[in-house]
């Protein structure tokens, strides 16, 4: 019985970690896209 509880709590912890990791990398990717977009926008603005 204790082993089942340990296993289910471990699975729940891994799922939370996976969700947090997904959100972290999603936000990180969006920030990098914004950095490249605004940097490129400033660079190409001077070409006109």
C-alpha atoms as a PDB file:
ATOM      1  CA  UNK A   1       0.000   0.000   0.000  1.00  0.00           C
ATOM      2  CA  UNK A   2       2.796   2.454   0.872  1.00  0.00           C
ATOM      3  CA  UNK A   3       4.615   1.664  -2.343  1.00  0.00           C
ATOM      4  CA  UNK A   4       1.542   2.574  -4.414  1.00  0.00           C
ATOM      5  CA  UNK A   5       1.233   5.914  -2.598  1.00  0.00           C
ATOM      6  CA  UNK A   6       4.927   6.658  -3.201  1.00  0.00           C
ATOM      7  CA  UNK A   7       4.569   5.769  -6.872  1.00  0.00           C
ATOM      8  CA  UNK A   8       1.478   7.951  -7.374  1.00  0.00           C
ATOM      9  CA  UNK A   9       3.050  10.913  -5.584  1.00  0.00           C
ATOM     10  CA  UNK A  10       6.195  10.493  -7.707  1.00  0.00           C
ATOM     11  CA  UNK A  11       4.103  10.456 -10.886  1.00  0.00           C
ATOM     12  CA  UNK A  12       2.241  13.580  -9.767  1.00  0.00           C
ATOM     13  CA  UNK A  13       5.558  15.326  -9.026  1.00  0.00           C
ATOM     14  CA  UNK A  14       6.953  14.395 -12.462  1.00  0.00           C
ATOM     15  CA  UNK A  15       3.792  15.691 -14.154  1.00  0.00           C
ATOM     16  CA  UNK A  16       4.068  19.001 -12.292  1.00  0.00           C
ATOM     17  CA  UNK A  17       7.734  19.245 -13.222  1.00  0.00           C
ATOM     18  CA  UNK A  18       6.900  18.506 -16.851  1.00  0.00           C
ATOM     19  CA  UNK A  19       4.225  21.194 -16.935  1.00  0.00           C
ATOM     20  CA  UNK A  20       6.541  23.726 -15.276  1.00  0.00           C
ATOM     21  CA  UNK A  21       9.301  22.827 -17.722  1.00  0.00           C
ATOM     22  CA  UNK A  22       6.942  23.245 -20.656  1.00  0.00           C
ATOM     23  CA  UNK A  23       5.857  26.679 -19.442  1.00  0.00           C
ATOM     24  CA  UNK A  24       9.460  27.725 -18.776  1.00  0.00           C
ATOM     25  CA  UNK A  25      10.655  26.829 -22.260  1.00  0.00           C
ATOM     26  CA  UNK A  26       7.538  28.317 -23.867  1.00  0.00           C
ATOM     27  CA  UNK A  27       8.114  31.667 -22.156  1.00  0.00           C
ATOM     28  CA  UNK A  28      11.857  31.492 -22.849  1.00  0.00           C
ATOM     29  CA  UNK A  29      11.199  30.872 -26.545  1.00  0.00           C
ATOM     30  CA  UNK A  30       8.707  33.722 -26.767  1.00  0.00           C
ATOM     31  CA  UNK A  31      11.173  36.096 -25.095  1.00  0.00           C
ATOM     32  CA  UNK A  32      13.909  35.131 -27.575  1.00  0.00           C
ATOM     33  CA  UNK A  33      11.508  35.653 -30.490  1.00  0.00           C
ATOM     34  CA  UNK A  34      10.669  39.116 -29.170  1.00  0.00           C
ATOM     35  CA  UNK A  35      14.371  39.950 -28.727  1.00  0.00           C
ATOM     36  CA  UNK A  36      15.211  38.897 -32.287  1.00  0.00           C
ATOM     37  CA  UNK A  37      12.151  40.657 -33.709  1.00  0.00           C
ATOM     38  CA  UNK A  38      12.810  43.997 -32.043  1.00  0.00           C
ATOM     39  CA  UNK A  39      16.567  43.817 -32.662  1.00  0.00           C
ATOM     40  CA  UNK A  40      16.035  43.009 -36.337  1.00  0.00           C
ATOM     41  CA  UNK A  41      13.397  45.707 -36.583  1.00  0.00           C
ATOM     42  CA  UNK A  42      15.855  48.308 -35.293  1.00  0.00           C
ATOM     43  CA  UNK A  43      18.641  47.103 -37.596  1.00  0.00           C
ATOM     44  CA  UNK A  44      16.498  47.121 -40.742  1.00  0.00           C
ATOM     45  CA  UNK A  45      14.876  50.428 -39.850  1.00  0.00           C
ATOM     46  CA  UNK A  46      18.242  52.126 -40.457  1.00  0.00           C
ATOM     47  CA  UNK A  47      18.405  50.659 -44.009  1.00  0.00           C
ATOM     48  CA  UNK A  48      15.643  52.948 -45.290  1.00  0.00           C
END
